[in-house]
Amino acid sequence: GGSTTDYADSVKGRFTISEDNAKNTGYLQMNSLKPEDTAIYYCAES
């Protein structure tokens, strides 16, 4: 429903999560990236 979002403290203010239900697609916009953001990123459904 998109009513609630939550972020890890380490990415607050830099990353934004969103979704397009018409496309069945979720997104993670990542700005101001830092070397410590280096990782494998996984999406998941609860």
ModelCIF file with pLDDT and N, C-alpha, C, O atoms, coordinates in Angstrom:
data_MODEL
#
_entry.id   MODEL 
#
_entity.id                         1 
_entity.type                       polymer 
_entity.pdbx_number_of_molecules   1 
#
_entity_poly.entity_id                      1 
_entity_poly.type                           'polypeptide(L)' 
_entity_poly.nstd_linkage                   no 
_entity_poly.nstd_monomer                   no 
_entity_poly.pdbx_seq_one_letter_code       GGSTTDYADSVKGRFTISEDNAKNTGYLQMNSLKPEDTAIYYCAES 
_entity_poly.pdbx_seq_one_letter_code_can   GGSTTDYADSVKGRFTISEDNAKNTGYLQMNSLKPEDTAIYYCAES 
_entity_poly.pdbx_strand_id                 A 
#
loop_
_entity_poly_seq.entity_id 
_entity_poly_seq.num 
_entity_poly_seq.mon_id 
_entity_poly_seq.hetero 
1 1  GLY n 
1 2  GLY n 
1 3  SER n 
1 4  THR n 
1 5  THR n 
1 6  ASP n 
1 7  TYR n 
1 8  ALA n 
1 9  ASP n 
1 10 SER n 
1 11 VAL n 
1 12 LYS n 
1 13 GLY n 
1 14 ARG n 
1 15 PHE n 
1 16 THR n 
1 17 ILE n 
1 18 SER n 
1 19 GLU n 
1 20 ASP n 
1 21 ASN n 
1 22 ALA n 
1 23 LYS n 
1 24 ASN n 
1 25 THR n 
1 26 GLY n 
1 27 TYR n 
1 28 LEU n 
1 29 GLN n 
1 30 MET n 
1 31 ASN n 
1 32 SER n 
1 33 LEU n 
1 34 LYS n 
1 35 PRO n 
1 36 GLU n 
1 37 ASP n 
1 38 THR n 
1 39 ALA n 
1 40 ILE n 
1 41 TYR n 
1 42 TYR n 
1 43 CYS n 
1 44 ALA n 
1 45 GLU n 
1 46 SER n 
#
_struct_asym.id          A 
_struct_asym.entity_id   1 
#
loop_
_ma_qa_metric.id 
_ma_qa_metric.mode 
_ma_qa_metric.name 
_ma_qa_metric.software_group_id 
_ma_qa_metric.type 
1 global pLDDT . pLDDT 
2 local  pLDDT . pLDDT 
#
_ma_qa_metric_global.metric_id      1 
_ma_qa_metric_global.metric_value   95.24 
_ma_qa_metric_global.model_id       1 
_ma_qa_metric_global.ordinal_id     1 
#
loop_
_ma_qa_metric_local.label_asym_id 
_ma_qa_metric_local.label_comp_id 
_ma_qa_metric_local.label_seq_id 
_ma_qa_metric_local.metric_id 
_ma_qa_metric_local.metric_value 
_ma_qa_metric_local.model_id 
_ma_qa_metric_local.ordinal_id 
A GLY 1  2 76.00 1 1  
A GLY 2  2 77.00 1 2  
A SER 3  2 83.00 1 3  
A THR 4  2 93.00 1 4  
A THR 5  2 96.00 1 5  
A ASP 6  2 97.00 1 6  
A TYR 7  2 98.00 1 7  
A ALA 8  2 98.00 1 8  
A ASP 9  2 98.00 1 9  
A SER 10 2 98.00 1 10 
A VAL 11 2 98.00 1 11 
A LYS 12 2 98.00 1 12 
A GLY 13 2 98.00 1 13 
A ARG 14 2 98.00 1 14 
A PHE 15 2 98.00 1 15 
A THR 16 2 98.00 1 16 
A ILE 17 2 97.00 1 17 
A SER 18 2 95.00 1 18 
A GLU 19 2 93.00 1 19 
A ASP 20 2 92.00 1 20 
A ASN 21 2 89.00 1 21 
A ALA 22 2 91.00 1 22 
A LYS 23 2 93.00 1 23 
A ASN 24 2 92.00 1 24 
A THR 25 2 94.00 1 25 
A GLY 26 2 95.00 1 26 
A TYR 27 2 97.00 1 27 
A LEU 28 2 98.00 1 28 
A GLN 29 2 98.00 1 29 
A MET 30 2 98.00 1 30 
A ASN 31 2 98.00 1 31 
A SER 32 2 98.00 1 32 
A LEU 33 2 98.00 1 33 
A LYS 34 2 98.00 1 34 
A PRO 35 2 97.00 1 35 
A GLU 36 2 97.00 1 36 
A ASP 37 2 98.00 1 37 
A THR 38 2 98.00 1 38 
A ALA 39 2 98.00 1 39 
A ILE 40 2 98.00 1 40 
A TYR 41 2 98.00 1 41 
A TYR 42 2 98.00 1 42 
A CYS 43 2 97.00 1 43 
A ALA 44 2 97.00 1 44 
A GLU 45 2 95.00 1 45 
A SER 46 2 94.00 1 46 
#
loop_
_atom_site.group_PDB 
_atom_site.id 
_atom_site.type_symbol 
_atom_site.label_atom_id 
_atom_site.label_alt_id 
_atom_site.label_comp_id 
_atom_site.label_asym_id 
_atom_site.label_entity_id 
_atom_site.label_seq_id 
_atom_site.pdbx_PDB_ins_code 
_atom_site.Cartn_x 
_atom_site.Cartn_y 
_atom_site.Cartn_z 
_atom_site.occupancy 
_atom_site.B_iso_or_equiv 
_atom_site.pdbx_formal_charge 
_atom_site.auth_seq_id 
_atom_site.auth_comp_id 
_atom_site.auth_asym_id 
_atom_site.auth_atom_id 
_atom_site.pdbx_PDB_model_num 
ATOM 1   N N  . GLY A 1 1  ? 0.812  -1.199  0.000   1.00 76.00 ? 1  GLY A N  1 
ATOM 2   C CA . GLY A 1 1  ? 0.000  0.000   0.000   1.00 76.00 ? 1  GLY A CA 1 
ATOM 3   C C  . GLY A 1 1  ? 0.846  1.250   0.000   1.00 76.00 ? 1  GLY A C  1 
ATOM 4   O O  . GLY A 1 1  ? 0.356  2.337   -0.302  1.00 76.00 ? 1  GLY A O  1 
ATOM 5   N N  . GLY A 1 2  ? 2.111  1.104   0.336   1.00 77.00 ? 2  GLY A N  1 
ATOM 6   C CA . GLY A 1 2  ? 3.039  2.229   0.274   1.00 77.00 ? 2  GLY A CA 1 
ATOM 7   C C  . GLY A 1 2  ? 2.902  3.241   1.380   1.00 77.00 ? 2  GLY A C  1 
ATOM 8   O O  . GLY A 1 2  ? 3.479  4.324   1.294   1.00 77.00 ? 2  GLY A O  1 
ATOM 9   N N  . SER A 1 3  ? 2.141  2.917   2.437   1.00 83.00 ? 3  SER A N  1 
ATOM 10  C CA . SER A 1 3  ? 1.894  3.912   3.478   1.00 83.00 ? 3  SER A CA 1 
ATOM 11  C C  . SER A 1 3  ? 3.065  4.103   4.417   1.00 83.00 ? 3  SER A C  1 
ATOM 12  O O  . SER A 1 3  ? 3.172  5.133   5.082   1.00 83.00 ? 3  SER A O  1 
ATOM 13  N N  . THR A 1 4  ? 3.941  3.117   4.475   1.00 93.00 ? 4  THR A N  1 
ATOM 14  C CA . THR A 1 4  ? 5.047  3.175   5.442   1.00 93.00 ? 4  THR A CA 1 
ATOM 15  C C  . THR A 1 4  ? 6.341  2.796   4.760   1.00 93.00 ? 4  THR A C  1 
ATOM 16  O O  . THR A 1 4  ? 6.403  1.810   4.025   1.00 93.00 ? 4  THR A O  1 
ATOM 17  N N  . THR A 1 5  ? 7.377  3.583   5.006   1.00 96.00 ? 5  THR A N  1 
ATOM 18  C CA . THR A 1 5  ? 8.719  3.237   4.555   1.00 96.00 ? 5  THR A CA 1 
ATOM 19  C C  . THR A 1 5  ? 9.661  3.268   5.754   1.00 96.00 ? 5  THR A C  1 
ATOM 20  O O  . THR A 1 5  ? 9.396  3.934   6.755   1.00 96.00 ? 5  THR A O  1 
ATOM 21  N N  . ASP A 1 6  ? 10.745 2.549   5.633   1.00 97.00 ? 6  ASP A N  1 
ATOM 22  C CA . ASP A 1 6  ? 11.743 2.514   6.700   1.00 97.00 ? 6  ASP A CA 1 
ATOM 23  C C  . ASP A 1 6  ? 13.112 2.363   6.067   1.00 97.00 ? 6  ASP A C  1 
ATOM 24  O O  . ASP A 1 6  ? 13.261 1.738   5.017   1.00 97.00 ? 6  ASP A O  1 
ATOM 25  N N  . TYR A 1 7  ? 14.100 2.940   6.713   1.00 98.00 ? 7  TYR A N  1 
ATOM 26  C CA . TYR A 1 7  ? 15.458 2.917   6.197   1.00 98.00 ? 7  TYR A CA 1 
ATOM 27  C C  . TYR A 1 7  ? 16.444 2.624   7.311   1.00 98.00 ? 7  TYR A C  1 
ATOM 28  O O  . TYR A 1 7  ? 16.227 2.992   8.466   1.00 98.00 ? 7  TYR A O  1 
ATOM 29  N N  . ALA A 1 8  ? 17.518 1.964   6.955   1.00 98.00 ? 8  ALA A N  1 
ATOM 30  C CA . ALA A 1 8  ? 18.623 1.839   7.891   1.00 98.00 ? 8  ALA A CA 1 
ATOM 31  C C  . ALA A 1 8  ? 19.220 3.221   8.125   1.00 98.00 ? 8  ALA A C  1 
ATOM 32  O O  . ALA A 1 8  ? 19.233 4.064   7.228   1.00 98.00 ? 8  ALA A O  1 
ATOM 33  N N  . ASP A 1 9  ? 19.711 3.440   9.330   1.00 98.00 ? 9  ASP A N  1 
ATOM 34  C CA . ASP A 1 9  ? 20.287 4.747   9.650   1.00 98.00 ? 9  ASP A CA 1 
ATOM 35  C C  . ASP A 1 9  ? 21.404 5.128   8.691   1.00 98.00 ? 9  ASP A C  1 
ATOM 36  O O  . ASP A 1 9  ? 21.584 6.302   8.368   1.00 98.00 ? 9  ASP A O  1 
ATOM 37  N N  . SER A 1 10 ? 22.146 4.136   8.243   1.00 98.00 ? 10 SER A N  1 
ATOM 38  C CA . SER A 1 10 ? 23.308 4.398   7.398   1.00 98.00 ? 10 SER A CA 1 
ATOM 39  C C  . SER A 1 10 ? 22.943 4.928   6.017   1.00 98.00 ? 10 SER A C  1 
ATOM 40  O O  . SER A 1 10 ? 23.802 5.473   5.323   1.00 98.00 ? 10 SER A O  1 
ATOM 41  N N  . VAL A 1 11 ? 21.679 4.778   5.604   1.00 98.00 ? 11 VAL A N  1 
ATOM 42  C CA . VAL A 1 11 ? 21.289 5.222   4.265   1.00 98.00 ? 11 VAL A CA 1 
ATOM 43  C C  . VAL A 1 11 ? 20.216 6.305   4.281   1.00 98.00 ? 11 VAL A C  1 
ATOM 44  O O  . VAL A 1 11 ? 19.837 6.813   3.225   1.00 98.00 ? 11 VAL A O  1 
ATOM 45  N N  . LYS A 1 12 ? 19.728 6.659   5.448   1.00 98.00 ? 12 LYS A N  1 
ATOM 46  C CA . LYS A 1 12 ? 18.681 7.685   5.528   1.00 98.00 ? 12 LYS A CA 1 
ATOM 47  C C  . LYS A 1 12 ? 19.163 8.994   4.917   1.00 98.00 ? 12 LYS A C  1 
ATOM 48  O O  . LYS A 1 12 ? 20.277 9.449   5.173   1.00 98.00 ? 12 LYS A O  1 
ATOM 49  N N  . GLY A 1 13 ? 18.302 9.581   4.110   1.00 98.00 ? 13 GLY A N  1 
ATOM 50  C CA . GLY A 1 13 ? 18.636 10.828  3.446   1.00 98.00 ? 13 GLY A CA 1 
ATOM 51  C C  . GLY A 1 13 ? 19.387 10.649  2.144   1.00 98.00 ? 13 GLY A C  1 
ATOM 52  O O  . GLY A 1 13 ? 19.555 11.605  1.386   1.00 98.00 ? 13 GLY A O  1 
ATOM 53  N N  . ARG A 1 14 ? 19.840 9.431   1.875   1.00 98.00 ? 14 ARG A N  1 
ATOM 54  C CA . ARG A 1 14 ? 20.582 9.167   0.627   1.00 98.00 ? 14 ARG A CA 1 
ATOM 55  C C  . ARG A 1 14 ? 19.843 8.197   -0.291  1.00 98.00 ? 14 ARG A C  1 
ATOM 56  O O  . ARG A 1 14 ? 19.911 8.326   -1.513  1.00 98.00 ? 14 ARG A O  1 
ATOM 57  N N  . PHE A 1 15 ? 19.141 7.233   0.288   1.00 98.00 ? 15 PHE A N  1 
ATOM 58  C CA . PHE A 1 15 ? 18.431 6.221   -0.490  1.00 98.00 ? 15 PHE A CA 1 
ATOM 59  C C  . PHE A 1 15 ? 16.934 6.461   -0.398  1.00 98.00 ? 15 PHE A C  1 
ATOM 60  O O  . PHE A 1 15 ? 16.425 6.943   0.615   1.00 98.00 ? 15 PHE A O  1 
ATOM 61  N N  . THR A 1 16 ? 16.235 6.114   -1.479  1.00 98.00 ? 16 THR A N  1 
ATOM 62  C CA . THR A 1 16 ? 14.779 6.235   -1.503  1.00 98.00 ? 16 THR A CA 1 
ATOM 63  C C  . THR A 1 16 ? 14.189 4.974   -2.119  1.00 98.00 ? 16 THR A C  1 
ATOM 64  O O  . THR A 1 16 ? 14.573 4.564   -3.214  1.00 98.00 ? 16 THR A O  1 
ATOM 65  N N  . ILE A 1 17 ? 13.255 4.368   -1.404  1.00 97.00 ? 17 ILE A N  1 
ATOM 66  C CA . ILE A 1 17 ? 12.567 3.186   -1.912  1.00 97.00 ? 17 ILE A CA 1 
ATOM 67  C C  . ILE A 1 17 ? 11.225 3.596   -2.498  1.00 97.00 ? 17 ILE A C  1 
ATOM 68  O O  . ILE A 1 17 ? 10.549 4.480   -1.971  1.00 97.00 ? 17 ILE A O  1 
ATOM 69  N N  . SER A 1 18 ? 10.847 2.947   -3.588  1.00 95.00 ? 18 SER A N  1 
ATOM 70  C CA . SER A 1 18 ? 9.556  3.224   -4.200  1.00 95.00 ? 18 SER A CA 1 
ATOM 71  C C  . SER A 1 18 ? 9.100  1.986   -4.957  1.00 95.00 ? 18 SER A C  1 
ATOM 72  O O  . SER A 1 18 ? 9.836  1.006   -5.076  1.00 95.00 ? 18 SER A O  1 
ATOM 73  N N  . GLU A 1 19 ? 7.874  2.047   -5.466  1.00 93.00 ? 19 GLU A N  1 
ATOM 74  C CA . GLU A 1 19 ? 7.379  0.916   -6.245  1.00 93.00 ? 19 GLU A CA 1 
ATOM 75  C C  . GLU A 1 19 ? 6.354  1.416   -7.248  1.00 93.00 ? 19 GLU A C  1 
ATOM 76  O O  . GLU A 1 19 ? 5.708  2.445   -7.052  1.00 93.00 ? 19 GLU A O  1 
ATOM 77  N N  . ASP A 1 20 ? 6.225  0.663   -8.317  1.00 92.00 ? 20 ASP A N  1 
ATOM 78  C CA . ASP A 1 20 ? 5.223  0.935   -9.347  1.00 92.00 ? 20 ASP A CA 1 
ATOM 79  C C  . ASP A 1 20 ? 4.389  -0.331  -9.459  1.00 92.00 ? 20 ASP A C  1 
ATOM 80  O O  . ASP A 1 20 ? 4.796  -1.301  -10.099 1.00 92.00 ? 20 ASP A O  1 
ATOM 81  N N  . ASN A 1 21 ? 3.228  -0.312  -8.835  1.00 89.00 ? 21 ASN A N  1 
ATOM 82  C CA . ASN A 1 21 ? 2.404  -1.516  -8.795  1.00 89.00 ? 21 ASN A CA 1 
ATOM 83  C C  . ASN A 1 21 ? 1.905  -1.904  -10.185 1.00 89.00 ? 21 ASN A C  1 
ATOM 84  O O  . ASN A 1 21 ? 1.686  -3.085  -10.456 1.00 89.00 ? 21 ASN A O  1 
ATOM 85  N N  . ALA A 1 22 ? 1.724  -0.931  -11.057 1.00 91.00 ? 22 ALA A N  1 
ATOM 86  C CA . ALA A 1 22 ? 1.273  -1.237  -12.417 1.00 91.00 ? 22 ALA A CA 1 
ATOM 87  C C  . ALA A 1 22 ? 2.322  -2.046  -13.175 1.00 91.00 ? 22 ALA A C  1 
ATOM 88  O O  . ALA A 1 22 ? 1.989  -2.828  -14.066 1.00 91.00 ? 22 ALA A O  1 
ATOM 89  N N  . LYS A 1 23 ? 3.595  -1.853  -12.812 1.00 93.00 ? 23 LYS A N  1 
ATOM 90  C CA . LYS A 1 23 ? 4.680  -2.574  -13.479 1.00 93.00 ? 23 LYS A CA 1 
ATOM 91  C C  . LYS A 1 23 ? 5.208  -3.733  -12.643 1.00 93.00 ? 23 LYS A C  1 
ATOM 92  O O  . LYS A 1 23 ? 6.132  -4.431  -13.061 1.00 93.00 ? 23 LYS A O  1 
ATOM 93  N N  . ASN A 1 24 ? 4.624  -3.939  -11.461 1.00 92.00 ? 24 ASN A N  1 
ATOM 94  C CA . ASN A 1 24 ? 5.124  -4.985  -10.553 1.00 92.00 ? 24 ASN A CA 1 
ATOM 95  C C  . ASN A 1 24 ? 6.625  -4.842  -10.321 1.00 92.00 ? 24 ASN A C  1 
ATOM 96  O O  . ASN A 1 24 ? 7.359  -5.830  -10.327 1.00 92.00 ? 24 ASN A O  1 
ATOM 97  N N  . THR A 1 25 ? 7.063  -3.636  -10.121 1.00 94.00 ? 25 THR A N  1 
ATOM 98  C CA . THR A 1 25 ? 8.486  -3.351  -9.999  1.00 94.00 ? 25 THR A CA 1 
ATOM 99  C C  . THR A 1 25 ? 8.755  -2.440  -8.813  1.00 94.00 ? 25 THR A C  1 
ATOM 100 O O  . THR A 1 25 ? 8.045  -1.459  -8.591  1.00 94.00 ? 25 THR A O  1 
ATOM 101 N N  . GLY A 1 26 ? 9.780  -2.776  -8.063  1.00 95.00 ? 26 GLY A N  1 
ATOM 102 C CA . GLY A 1 26 ? 10.237 -1.925  -6.981  1.00 95.00 ? 26 GLY A CA 1 
ATOM 103 C C  . GLY A 1 26 ? 11.563 -1.285  -7.351  1.00 95.00 ? 26 GLY A C  1 
ATOM 104 O O  . GLY A 1 26 ? 12.291 -1.770  -8.217  1.00 95.00 ? 26 GLY A O  1 
ATOM 105 N N  . TYR A 1 27 ? 11.860 -0.175  -6.670  1.00 97.00 ? 27 TYR A N  1 
ATOM 106 C CA . TYR A 1 27 ? 13.072 0.570   -6.988  1.00 97.00 ? 27 TYR A CA 1 
ATOM 107 C C  . TYR A 1 27 ? 13.795 0.991   -5.705  1.00 97.00 ? 27 TYR A C  1 
ATOM 108 O O  . TYR A 1 27 ? 13.186 1.183   -4.652  1.00 97.00 ? 27 TYR A O  1 
ATOM 109 N N  . LEU A 1 28 ? 15.095 1.124   -5.837  1.00 98.00 ? 28 LEU A N  1 
ATOM 110 C CA . LEU A 1 28 ? 15.896 1.709   -4.769  1.00 98.00 ? 28 LEU A CA 1 
ATOM 111 C C  . LEU A 1 28 ? 16.810 2.735   -5.421  1.00 98.00 ? 28 LEU A C  1 
ATOM 112 O O  . LEU A 1 28 ? 17.781 2.385   -6.092  1.00 98.00 ? 28 LEU A O  1 
ATOM 113 N N  . GLN A 1 29 ? 16.486 4.003   -5.215  1.00 98.00 ? 29 GLN A N  1 
ATOM 114 C CA . GLN A 1 29 ? 17.326 5.079   -5.715  1.00 98.00 ? 29 GLN A CA 1 
ATOM 115 C C  . GLN A 1 29 ? 18.409 5.349   -4.692  1.00 98.00 ? 29 GLN A C  1 
ATOM 116 O O  . GLN A 1 29 ? 18.120 5.636   -3.530  1.00 98.00 ? 29 GLN A O  1 
ATOM 117 N N  . MET A 1 30 ? 19.655 5.255   -5.122  1.00 98.00 ? 30 MET A N  1 
ATOM 118 C CA . MET A 1 30 ? 20.790 5.420   -4.216  1.00 98.00 ? 30 MET A CA 1 
ATOM 119 C C  . MET A 1 30 ? 21.612 6.617   -4.663  1.00 98.00 ? 30 MET A C  1 
ATOM 120 O O  . MET A 1 30 ? 22.189 6.605   -5.750  1.00 98.00 ? 30 MET A O  1 
ATOM 121 N N  . ASN A 1 31 ? 21.668 7.639   -3.841  1.00 98.00 ? 31 ASN A N  1 
ATOM 122 C CA . ASN A 1 31 ? 22.438 8.852   -4.135  1.00 98.00 ? 31 ASN A CA 1 
ATOM 123 C C  . ASN A 1 31 ? 23.575 9.005   -3.134  1.00 98.00 ? 31 ASN A C  1 
ATOM 124 O O  . ASN A 1 31 ? 23.585 8.364   -2.083  1.00 98.00 ? 31 ASN A O  1 
ATOM 125 N N  . SER A 1 32 ? 24.524 9.854   -3.472  1.00 98.00 ? 32 SER A N  1 
ATOM 126 C CA . SER A 1 32 ? 25.660 10.142  -2.586  1.00 98.00 ? 32 SER A CA 1 
ATOM 127 C C  . SER A 1 32 ? 26.300 8.849   -2.087  1.00 98.00 ? 32 SER A C  1 
ATOM 128 O O  . SER A 1 32 ? 26.550 8.677   -0.894  1.00 98.00 ? 32 SER A O  1 
ATOM 129 N N  . LEU A 1 33 ? 26.553 7.962   -3.013  1.00 98.00 ? 33 LEU A N  1 
ATOM 130 C CA . LEU A 1 33 ? 27.078 6.649   -2.638  1.00 98.00 ? 33 LEU A CA 1 
ATOM 131 C C  . LEU A 1 33 ? 28.470 6.757   -2.025  1.00 98.00 ? 33 LEU A C  1 
ATOM 132 O O  . LEU A 1 33 ? 29.274 7.617   -2.384  1.00 98.00 ? 33 LEU A O  1 
ATOM 133 N N  . LYS A 1 34 ? 28.717 5.856   -1.095  1.00 98.00 ? 34 LYS A N  1 
ATOM 134 C CA . LYS A 1 34 ? 29.990 5.810   -0.380  1.00 98.00 ? 34 LYS A CA 1 
ATOM 135 C C  . LYS A 1 34 ? 30.631 4.437   -0.594  1.00 98.00 ? 34 LYS A C  1 
ATOM 136 O O  . LYS A 1 34 ? 29.934 3.467   -0.893  1.00 98.00 ? 34 LYS A O  1 
ATOM 137 N N  . PRO A 1 35 ? 31.948 4.353   -0.442  1.00 97.00 ? 35 PRO A N  1 
ATOM 138 C CA . PRO A 1 35 ? 32.601 3.037   -0.588  1.00 97.00 ? 35 PRO A CA 1 
ATOM 139 C C  . PRO A 1 35 ? 31.999 1.974   0.340   1.00 97.00 ? 35 PRO A C  1 
ATOM 140 O O  . PRO A 1 35 ? 31.955 0.797   -0.018  1.00 97.00 ? 35 PRO A O  1 
ATOM 141 N N  . GLU A 1 36 ? 31.542 2.377   1.515   1.00 97.00 ? 36 GLU A N  1 
ATOM 142 C CA . GLU A 1 36 ? 30.963 1.410   2.449   1.00 97.00 ? 36 GLU A CA 1 
ATOM 143 C C  . GLU A 1 36 ? 29.588 0.906   2.020   1.00 97.00 ? 36 GLU A C  1 
ATOM 144 O O  . GLU A 1 36 ? 29.032 0.015   2.661   1.00 97.00 ? 36 GLU A O  1 
ATOM 145 N N  . ASP A 1 37 ? 29.037 1.462   0.951   1.00 98.00 ? 37 ASP A N  1 
ATOM 146 C CA . ASP A 1 37 ? 27.789 0.941   0.381   1.00 98.00 ? 37 ASP A CA 1 
ATOM 147 C C  . ASP A 1 37 ? 28.041 -0.251  -0.534  1.00 98.00 ? 37 ASP A C  1 
ATOM 148 O O  . ASP A 1 37 ? 27.094 -0.890  -0.993  1.00 98.00 ? 37 ASP A O  1 
ATOM 149 N N  . THR A 1 38 ? 29.301 -0.553  -0.801  1.00 98.00 ? 38 THR A N  1 
ATOM 150 C CA . THR A 1 38 ? 29.649 -1.671  -1.667  1.00 98.00 ? 38 THR A CA 1 
ATOM 151 C C  . THR A 1 38 ? 29.135 -2.977  -1.072  1.00 98.00 ? 38 THR A C  1 
ATOM 152 O O  . THR A 1 38 ? 29.440 -3.310  0.073   1.00 98.00 ? 38 THR A O  1 
ATOM 153 N N  . ALA A 1 39 ? 28.354 -3.711  -1.857  1.00 98.00 ? 39 ALA A N  1 
ATOM 154 C CA . ALA A 1 39 ? 27.744 -4.955  -1.391  1.00 98.00 ? 39 ALA A CA 1 
ATOM 155 C C  . ALA A 1 39 ? 26.936 -5.567  -2.528  1.00 98.00 ? 39 ALA A C  1 
ATOM 156 O O  . ALA A 1 39 ? 26.755 -4.955  -3.581  1.00 98.00 ? 39 ALA A O  1 
ATOM 157 N N  . ILE A 1 40 ? 26.462 -6.767  -2.300  1.00 98.00 ? 40 ILE A N  1 
ATOM 158 C CA . ILE A 1 40 ? 25.429 -7.343  -3.161  1.00 98.00 ? 40 ILE A CA 1 
ATOM 159 C C  . ILE A 1 40 ? 24.090 -6.913  -2.572  1.00 98.00 ? 40 ILE A C  1 
ATOM 160 O O  . ILE A 1 40 ? 23.840 -7.071  -1.377  1.00 98.00 ? 40 ILE A O  1 
ATOM 161 N N  . TYR A 1 41 ? 23.244 -6.372  -3.423  1.00 98.00 ? 41 TYR A N  1 
ATOM 162 C CA . TYR A 1 41 ? 21.935 -5.873  -2.982  1.00 98.00 ? 41 TYR A CA 1 
ATOM 163 C C  . TYR A 1 41 ? 20.844 -6.847  -3.427  1.00 98.00 ? 41 TYR A C  1 
ATOM 164 O O  . TYR A 1 41 ? 20.806 -7.283  -4.577  1.00 98.00 ? 41 TYR A O  1 
ATOM 165 N N  . TYR A 1 42 ? 19.967 -7.171  -2.491  1.00 98.00 ? 42 TYR A N  1 
ATOM 166 C CA . TYR A 1 42 ? 18.895 -8.119  -2.730  1.00 98.00 ? 42 TYR A CA 1 
ATOM 167 C C  . TYR A 1 42 ? 17.543 -7.451  -2.484  1.00 98.00 ? 42 TYR A C  1 
ATOM 168 O O  . TYR A 1 42 ? 17.385 -6.687  -1.532  1.00 98.00 ? 42 TYR A O  1 
ATOM 169 N N  . CYS A 1 43 ? 16.579 -7.740  -3.341  1.00 97.00 ? 43 CYS A N  1 
ATOM 170 C CA . CYS A 1 43 ? 15.217 -7.353  -3.018  1.00 97.00 ? 43 CYS A CA 1 
ATOM 171 C C  . CYS A 1 43 ? 14.496 -8.590  -2.474  1.00 97.00 ? 43 CYS A C  1 
ATOM 172 O O  . CYS A 1 43 ? 14.879 -9.727  -2.749  1.00 97.00 ? 43 CYS A O  1 
ATOM 173 N N  . ALA A 1 44 ? 13.448 -8.335  -1.700  1.00 97.00 ? 44 ALA A N  1 
ATOM 174 C CA . ALA A 1 44 ? 12.726 -9.418  -1.059  1.00 97.00 ? 44 ALA A CA 1 
ATOM 175 C C  . ALA A 1 44 ? 11.273 -9.038  -0.840  1.00 97.00 ? 44 ALA A C  1 
ATOM 176 O O  . ALA A 1 44 ? 10.935 -7.862  -0.703  1.00 97.00 ? 44 ALA A O  1 
ATOM 177 N N  . GLU A 1 45 ? 10.429 -10.040 -0.811  1.00 95.00 ? 45 GLU A N  1 
ATOM 178 C CA . GLU A 1 45 ? 9.015  -9.847  -0.477  1.00 95.00 ? 45 GLU A CA 1 
ATOM 179 C C  . GLU A 1 45 ? 8.737  -10.528 0.857   1.00 95.00 ? 45 GLU A C  1 
ATOM 180 O O  . GLU A 1 45 ? 9.203  -11.636 1.123   1.00 95.00 ? 45 GLU A O  1 
ATOM 181 N N  . SER A 1 46 ? 7.969  -9.836  1.681   1.00 94.00 ? 46 SER A N  1 
ATOM 182 C CA . SER A 1 46 ? 7.752  -10.318 3.040   1.00 94.00 ? 46 SER A CA 1 
ATOM 183 C C  . SER A 1 46 ? 6.749  -11.462 3.099   1.00 94.00 ? 46 SER A C  1 
ATOM 184 O O  . SER A 1 46 ? 6.462  -11.976 4.181   1.00 94.00 ? 46 SER A O  1 
#
